[in-house]
Amino acid sequence: MFDFLMLATQVILKPFQLGDRDACKKFLIDVIQSVKPLAAASKTKLDDNLLEHLQFVLNSDALYAYVYKLILDQLQTKEVLLESTDEDTILELCDTTTATDENLPKTINPIVVITLVSQIISIINAIKSAK
């Protein structure tokens, strides 16, 4: 089943050139815009809050570049790497980023960003271990 999901994901994502930072950013922005109406329809605010944090990361060039490189490094090796999220770097990037989109909050909780990045890396490592 895992191999089937890997192949299906590769086929679905092939046209998006996710190895290119800018193309990946556009893809993520499009996905978030598609998911927003579903999140707004739910009764909880958790998904709305998560989307705000993801948009904040995408809105900051420096923060997005750091997170993209970190995840790309994890994906470019078959070995399970130790989690390499530098919390101080993310805290600094979150502090120096101001939201330019009026639909985004002016500040976010950097701990949520750190947790999101850590969870993404954990998922990548779990997939590597399952192979």
N, C-alpha and C. Protein backbone atom coordinates (compact mmCIF):
# COMPACT_ATOMS: atom_id res chain seq x y z
N MET A 1 0.83 -1.20 0.00
CA MET A 1 0.00 0.00 0.00
C MET A 1 0.87 1.26 0.00
N PHE A 2 1.96 1.23 0.79
CA PHE A 2 2.85 2.38 0.87
C PHE A 2 3.44 2.71 -0.49
N ASP A 3 3.88 1.68 -1.23
CA ASP A 3 4.45 1.90 -2.55
C ASP A 3 3.42 2.50 -3.50
N PHE A 4 2.18 2.04 -3.40
CA PHE A 4 1.12 2.59 -4.24
C PHE A 4 0.90 4.08 -3.94
N LEU A 5 0.87 4.43 -2.66
CA LEU A 5 0.68 5.83 -2.28
C LEU A 5 1.85 6.70 -2.76
N MET A 6 3.06 6.16 -2.67
CA MET A 6 4.23 6.90 -3.15
C MET A 6 4.13 7.16 -4.66
N LEU A 7 3.75 6.14 -5.42
CA LEU A 7 3.61 6.30 -6.87
C LEU A 7 2.49 7.28 -7.21
N ALA A 8 1.37 7.16 -6.53
CA ALA A 8 0.24 8.05 -6.78
C ALA A 8 0.61 9.50 -6.49
N THR A 9 1.31 9.72 -5.40
CA THR A 9 1.74 11.06 -5.03
C THR A 9 2.70 11.62 -6.07
N GLN A 10 3.62 10.81 -6.55
CA GLN A 10 4.57 11.27 -7.57
C GLN A 10 3.85 11.65 -8.86
N VAL A 11 2.85 10.88 -9.25
CA VAL A 11 2.10 11.17 -10.48
C VAL A 11 1.30 12.46 -10.32
N ILE A 12 0.66 12.61 -9.18
CA ILE A 12 -0.18 13.80 -8.94
C ILE A 12 0.67 15.07 -8.87
N LEU A 13 1.83 14.98 -8.23
CA LEU A 13 2.66 16.18 -8.01
C LEU A 13 3.65 16.47 -9.14
N LYS A 14 3.80 15.56 -10.08
CA LYS A 14 4.81 15.72 -11.14
C LYS A 14 4.70 17.05 -11.90
N PRO A 15 3.51 17.52 -12.27
CA PRO A 15 3.45 18.76 -13.04
C PRO A 15 3.83 20.02 -12.26
N PHE A 16 3.99 19.92 -10.96
CA PHE A 16 4.17 21.12 -10.15
C PHE A 16 5.62 21.53 -9.91
N GLN A 17 6.60 20.75 -10.31
CA GLN A 17 8.01 21.11 -10.14
C GLN A 17 8.33 21.54 -8.70
N LEU A 18 8.03 20.68 -7.76
CA LEU A 18 8.21 21.03 -6.35
C LEU A 18 9.67 21.15 -5.94
N GLY A 19 10.59 20.78 -6.82
CA GLY A 19 12.01 20.99 -6.53
C GLY A 19 12.43 22.43 -6.70
N ASP A 20 11.59 23.24 -7.32
CA ASP A 20 11.85 24.67 -7.49
C ASP A 20 11.15 25.43 -6.37
N ARG A 21 11.91 26.22 -5.63
CA ARG A 21 11.36 26.90 -4.45
C ARG A 21 10.15 27.77 -4.78
N ASP A 22 10.23 28.56 -5.85
CA ASP A 22 9.13 29.46 -6.18
C ASP A 22 7.90 28.69 -6.67
N ALA A 23 8.12 27.64 -7.46
CA ALA A 23 7.00 26.82 -7.93
C ALA A 23 6.32 26.11 -6.77
N CYS A 24 7.12 25.66 -5.81
CA CYS A 24 6.57 25.01 -4.62
C CYS A 24 5.74 26.00 -3.80
N LYS A 25 6.25 27.22 -3.68
CA LYS A 25 5.53 28.26 -2.93
C LYS A 25 4.18 28.55 -3.59
N LYS A 26 4.18 28.67 -4.92
CA LYS A 26 2.92 28.91 -5.62
C LYS A 26 1.95 27.74 -5.43
N PHE A 27 2.48 26.52 -5.51
CA PHE A 27 1.65 25.34 -5.30
C PHE A 27 1.01 25.37 -3.90
N LEU A 28 1.81 25.67 -2.89
CA LEU A 28 1.30 25.70 -1.52
C LEU A 28 0.26 26.80 -1.32
N ILE A 29 0.50 27.95 -1.93
CA ILE A 29 -0.48 29.04 -1.84
C ILE A 29 -1.79 28.62 -2.49
N ASP A 30 -1.72 27.96 -3.65
CA ASP A 30 -2.92 27.47 -4.33
C ASP A 30 -3.66 26.43 -3.48
N VAL A 31 -2.91 25.52 -2.86
CA VAL A 31 -3.53 24.51 -2.00
C VAL A 31 -4.24 25.18 -0.82
N ILE A 32 -3.57 26.13 -0.20
CA ILE A 32 -4.17 26.82 0.95
C ILE A 32 -5.45 27.55 0.53
N GLN A 33 -5.40 28.22 -0.61
CA GLN A 33 -6.60 28.93 -1.09
C GLN A 33 -7.75 27.96 -1.36
N SER A 34 -7.43 26.76 -1.81
CA SER A 34 -8.46 25.75 -2.05
C SER A 34 -9.02 25.17 -0.76
N VAL A 35 -8.18 25.09 0.26
CA VAL A 35 -8.59 24.48 1.52
C VAL A 35 -9.33 25.48 2.43
N LYS A 36 -9.08 26.77 2.25
CA LYS A 36 -9.67 27.79 3.12
C LYS A 36 -11.19 27.69 3.25
N PRO A 37 -11.94 27.53 2.16
CA PRO A 37 -13.39 27.42 2.31
C PRO A 37 -13.82 26.22 3.15
N LEU A 38 -13.09 25.11 3.02
CA LEU A 38 -13.41 23.94 3.84
C LEU A 38 -13.12 24.20 5.31
N ALA A 39 -12.01 24.89 5.57
CA ALA A 39 -11.65 25.22 6.95
C ALA A 39 -12.67 26.19 7.54
N ALA A 40 -13.12 27.14 6.75
CA ALA A 40 -14.10 28.12 7.23
C ALA A 40 -15.43 27.45 7.55
N ALA A 41 -15.75 26.38 6.84
CA ALA A 41 -17.01 25.68 7.06
C ALA A 41 -17.00 24.80 8.30
N SER A 42 -15.81 24.48 8.79
CA SER A 42 -15.75 23.62 9.98
C SER A 42 -16.10 24.41 11.22
N LYS A 43 -16.46 23.71 12.26
CA LYS A 43 -16.89 24.37 13.50
C LYS A 43 -15.73 24.71 14.42
N THR A 44 -14.54 24.21 14.12
CA THR A 44 -13.40 24.50 14.98
C THR A 44 -12.56 25.61 14.37
N LYS A 45 -11.77 26.25 15.19
CA LYS A 45 -10.87 27.31 14.73
C LYS A 45 -9.45 26.78 14.54
N LEU A 46 -9.22 25.52 14.89
CA LEU A 46 -7.88 24.95 14.81
C LEU A 46 -7.35 24.96 13.37
N ASP A 47 -8.17 24.55 12.42
CA ASP A 47 -7.71 24.53 11.04
C ASP A 47 -7.50 25.94 10.50
N ASP A 48 -8.34 26.89 10.89
CA ASP A 48 -8.15 28.29 10.48
C ASP A 48 -6.83 28.82 11.02
N ASN A 49 -6.54 28.51 12.27
CA ASN A 49 -5.30 28.95 12.91
C ASN A 49 -4.09 28.34 12.22
N LEU A 50 -4.16 27.08 11.88
CA LEU A 50 -3.07 26.41 11.18
C LEU A 50 -2.82 27.05 9.81
N LEU A 51 -3.89 27.33 9.09
CA LEU A 51 -3.76 27.97 7.78
C LEU A 51 -3.13 29.36 7.90
N GLU A 52 -3.50 30.11 8.94
CA GLU A 52 -2.90 31.44 9.15
C GLU A 52 -1.39 31.33 9.34
N HIS A 53 -0.97 30.33 10.11
CA HIS A 53 0.47 30.14 10.35
C HIS A 53 1.19 29.73 9.06
N LEU A 54 0.58 28.84 8.29
CA LEU A 54 1.18 28.44 7.03
C LEU A 54 1.28 29.62 6.07
N GLN A 55 0.23 30.44 6.02
CA GLN A 55 0.27 31.62 5.17
C GLN A 55 1.33 32.60 5.64
N PHE A 56 1.51 32.71 6.93
CA PHE A 56 2.54 33.61 7.47
C PHE A 56 3.92 33.16 7.01
N VAL A 57 4.16 31.86 7.06
CA VAL A 57 5.45 31.32 6.60
C VAL A 57 5.63 31.61 5.11
N LEU A 58 4.60 31.38 4.32
CA LEU A 58 4.69 31.62 2.88
C LEU A 58 4.84 33.11 2.56
N ASN A 59 4.33 33.95 3.43
CA ASN A 59 4.36 35.40 3.21
C ASN A 59 5.74 35.99 3.50
N SER A 60 6.54 35.30 4.28
CA SER A 60 7.88 35.78 4.63
C SER A 60 8.91 35.07 3.76
N ASP A 61 9.58 35.82 2.92
CA ASP A 61 10.57 35.21 2.02
C ASP A 61 11.68 34.51 2.79
N ALA A 62 12.20 35.16 3.83
CA ALA A 62 13.32 34.58 4.59
C ALA A 62 12.87 33.33 5.36
N LEU A 63 11.73 33.39 5.99
CA LEU A 63 11.23 32.25 6.77
C LEU A 63 10.89 31.09 5.84
N TYR A 64 10.23 31.38 4.71
CA TYR A 64 9.90 30.33 3.76
C TYR A 64 11.18 29.69 3.20
N ALA A 65 12.17 30.51 2.86
CA ALA A 65 13.42 29.98 2.30
C ALA A 65 14.09 29.04 3.30
N TYR A 66 14.08 29.40 4.58
CA TYR A 66 14.69 28.56 5.61
C TYR A 66 13.94 27.22 5.73
N VAL A 67 12.62 27.30 5.83
CA VAL A 67 11.82 26.08 6.00
C VAL A 67 11.93 25.20 4.75
N TYR A 68 11.89 25.80 3.58
CA TYR A 68 12.00 25.05 2.33
C TYR A 68 13.33 24.31 2.26
N LYS A 69 14.42 25.00 2.56
CA LYS A 69 15.74 24.37 2.52
C LYS A 69 15.84 23.23 3.53
N LEU A 70 15.30 23.45 4.72
CA LEU A 70 15.34 22.43 5.76
C LEU A 70 14.61 21.16 5.31
N ILE A 71 13.43 21.33 4.74
CA ILE A 71 12.64 20.18 4.28
C ILE A 71 13.29 19.55 3.06
N LEU A 72 13.79 20.36 2.14
CA LEU A 72 14.45 19.83 0.95
C LEU A 72 15.67 19.00 1.33
N ASP A 73 16.45 19.47 2.30
CA ASP A 73 17.60 18.70 2.76
C ASP A 73 17.18 17.34 3.30
N GLN A 74 16.05 17.31 4.01
CA GLN A 74 15.54 16.04 4.54
C GLN A 74 15.12 15.10 3.41
N LEU A 75 14.55 15.66 2.36
CA LEU A 75 14.06 14.84 1.26
C LEU A 75 15.16 14.35 0.33
N GLN A 76 16.31 14.99 0.34
CA GLN A 76 17.36 14.66 -0.61
C GLN A 76 18.28 13.53 -0.15
N THR A 77 18.02 12.98 0.99
CA THR A 77 18.83 11.85 1.45
C THR A 77 17.92 10.72 1.89
N LYS A 78 18.38 9.51 1.71
CA LYS A 78 17.60 8.35 2.14
C LYS A 78 17.75 8.07 3.62
N GLU A 79 18.84 8.60 4.21
CA GLU A 79 19.06 8.38 5.63
C GLU A 79 18.06 9.18 6.46
N VAL A 80 17.74 8.65 7.61
CA VAL A 80 16.91 9.38 8.56
C VAL A 80 17.84 10.34 9.29
N LEU A 81 17.61 11.62 9.08
CA LEU A 81 18.45 12.63 9.71
C LEU A 81 17.87 13.01 11.06
N LEU A 82 18.74 13.39 11.97
CA LEU A 82 18.25 13.94 13.22
C LEU A 82 17.50 15.21 12.90
N GLU A 83 16.49 15.47 13.68
CA GLU A 83 15.71 16.68 13.44
C GLU A 83 16.61 17.89 13.52
N SER A 84 16.60 18.68 12.46
CA SER A 84 17.55 19.79 12.38
C SER A 84 16.87 21.15 12.42
N THR A 85 15.70 21.22 13.02
CA THR A 85 15.02 22.49 13.16
C THR A 85 15.75 23.34 14.18
N ASP A 86 16.24 24.48 13.74
CA ASP A 86 16.92 25.41 14.64
C ASP A 86 15.89 26.38 15.18
N GLU A 87 15.46 26.15 16.41
CA GLU A 87 14.39 26.94 17.00
C GLU A 87 14.76 28.42 17.08
N ASP A 88 16.00 28.73 17.40
CA ASP A 88 16.42 30.13 17.50
C ASP A 88 16.30 30.84 16.16
N THR A 89 16.65 30.16 15.08
CA THR A 89 16.54 30.77 13.75
C THR A 89 15.08 31.05 13.41
N ILE A 90 14.21 30.09 13.68
CA ILE A 90 12.78 30.29 13.39
C ILE A 90 12.22 31.41 14.26
N LEU A 91 12.59 31.45 15.54
CA LEU A 91 12.12 32.53 16.41
C LEU A 91 12.56 33.89 15.88
N GLU A 92 13.81 33.98 15.47
CA GLU A 92 14.32 35.25 14.95
C GLU A 92 13.61 35.64 13.66
N LEU A 93 13.41 34.69 12.76
CA LEU A 93 12.74 34.99 11.50
C LEU A 93 11.28 35.39 11.73
N CYS A 94 10.61 34.76 12.68
CA CYS A 94 9.23 35.13 12.99
C CYS A 94 9.17 36.53 13.60
N ASP A 95 10.13 36.85 14.43
CA ASP A 95 10.15 38.17 15.07
C ASP A 95 10.41 39.29 14.07
N THR A 96 11.21 39.01 13.05
CA THR A 96 11.56 40.06 12.09
C THR A 96 10.60 40.13 10.91
N THR A 97 9.62 39.22 10.87
CA THR A 97 8.66 39.20 9.77
C THR A 97 7.40 39.94 10.18
N THR A 98 6.95 40.81 9.31
CA THR A 98 5.66 41.46 9.53
C THR A 98 4.76 41.06 8.37
N ALA A 99 3.51 40.83 8.69
CA ALA A 99 2.56 40.39 7.67
C ALA A 99 2.20 41.56 6.77
N THR A 100 2.35 41.38 5.48
CA THR A 100 1.99 42.43 4.53
C THR A 100 0.59 42.21 3.97
N ASP A 101 0.06 41.04 4.18
CA ASP A 101 -1.30 40.73 3.73
C ASP A 101 -2.26 41.11 4.85
N GLU A 102 -3.25 41.95 4.55
CA GLU A 102 -4.16 42.41 5.61
C GLU A 102 -5.04 41.30 6.16
N ASN A 103 -5.13 40.16 5.45
CA ASN A 103 -5.94 39.04 5.94
C ASN A 103 -5.19 38.19 6.96
N LEU A 104 -3.90 38.44 7.14
CA LEU A 104 -3.11 37.66 8.07
C LEU A 104 -2.93 38.40 9.38
N PRO A 105 -2.77 37.67 10.46
CA PRO A 105 -2.50 38.34 11.73
C PRO A 105 -1.14 39.03 11.67
N LYS A 106 -0.98 40.08 12.44
CA LYS A 106 0.28 40.83 12.45
C LYS A 106 1.40 40.02 13.10
N THR A 107 1.06 39.19 14.05
CA THR A 107 2.05 38.33 14.69
C THR A 107 1.47 36.92 14.80
N ILE A 108 2.35 35.97 14.93
CA ILE A 108 1.93 34.58 15.12
C ILE A 108 2.73 33.99 16.26
N ASN A 109 2.36 32.81 16.65
CA ASN A 109 3.09 32.11 17.69
C ASN A 109 4.20 31.30 17.02
N PRO A 110 5.46 31.70 17.21
CA PRO A 110 6.56 30.98 16.54
C PRO A 110 6.65 29.52 16.95
N ILE A 111 6.16 29.19 18.14
CA ILE A 111 6.19 27.80 18.60
C ILE A 111 5.35 26.93 17.67
N VAL A 112 4.25 27.47 17.15
CA VAL A 112 3.42 26.71 16.22
C VAL A 112 4.20 26.43 14.93
N VAL A 113 4.96 27.42 14.45
CA VAL A 113 5.76 27.22 13.25
C VAL A 113 6.83 26.16 13.50
N ILE A 114 7.50 26.24 14.64
CA ILE A 114 8.51 25.25 15.00
C ILE A 114 7.89 23.86 15.06
N THR A 115 6.72 23.76 15.66
CA THR A 115 6.03 22.47 15.77
C THR A 115 5.64 21.94 14.40
N LEU A 116 5.13 22.82 13.53
CA LEU A 116 4.76 22.39 12.18
C LEU A 116 5.97 21.84 11.43
N VAL A 117 7.06 22.57 11.46
CA VAL A 117 8.27 22.13 10.76
C VAL A 117 8.77 20.81 11.35
N SER A 118 8.77 20.72 12.67
CA SER A 118 9.22 19.49 13.33
C SER A 118 8.35 18.30 12.94
N GLN A 119 7.04 18.51 12.86
CA GLN A 119 6.14 17.42 12.49
C GLN A 119 6.33 17.00 11.04
N ILE A 120 6.55 17.97 10.16
CA ILE A 120 6.80 17.63 8.75
C ILE A 120 8.06 16.78 8.65
N ILE A 121 9.11 17.18 9.36
CA ILE A 121 10.35 16.41 9.34
C ILE A 121 10.14 15.02 9.94
N SER A 122 9.35 14.93 11.00
CA SER A 122 9.06 13.63 11.59
C SER A 122 8.32 12.72 10.61
N ILE A 123 7.38 13.30 9.86
CA ILE A 123 6.64 12.51 8.86
C ILE A 123 7.58 12.03 7.76
N ILE A 124 8.47 12.93 7.31
CA ILE A 124 9.44 12.54 6.28
C ILE A 124 10.31 11.40 6.79
N ASN A 125 10.77 11.50 8.01
CA ASN A 125 11.62 10.44 8.59
C ASN A 125 10.83 9.14 8.78
N ALA A 126 9.57 9.24 9.13
CA ALA A 126 8.75 8.03 9.27
C ALA A 126 8.58 7.34 7.92
N ILE A 127 8.40 8.13 6.86
CA ILE A 127 8.28 7.55 5.52
C ILE A 127 9.60 6.89 5.11
N LYS A 128 10.71 7.54 5.42
CA LYS A 128 12.02 6.95 5.10
C LYS A 128 12.20 5.62 5.85
N SER A 129 11.78 5.59 7.09
CA SER A 129 11.94 4.37 7.90
C SER A 129 11.04 3.24 7.41
N ALA A 130 9.88 3.60 6.86
CA ALA A 130 8.92 2.59 6.40
C ALA A 130 9.39 1.89 5.13
N LYS A 131 10.25 2.55 4.38
CA LYS A 131 10.74 1.95 3.13
C LYS A 131 11.66 0.87 3.47
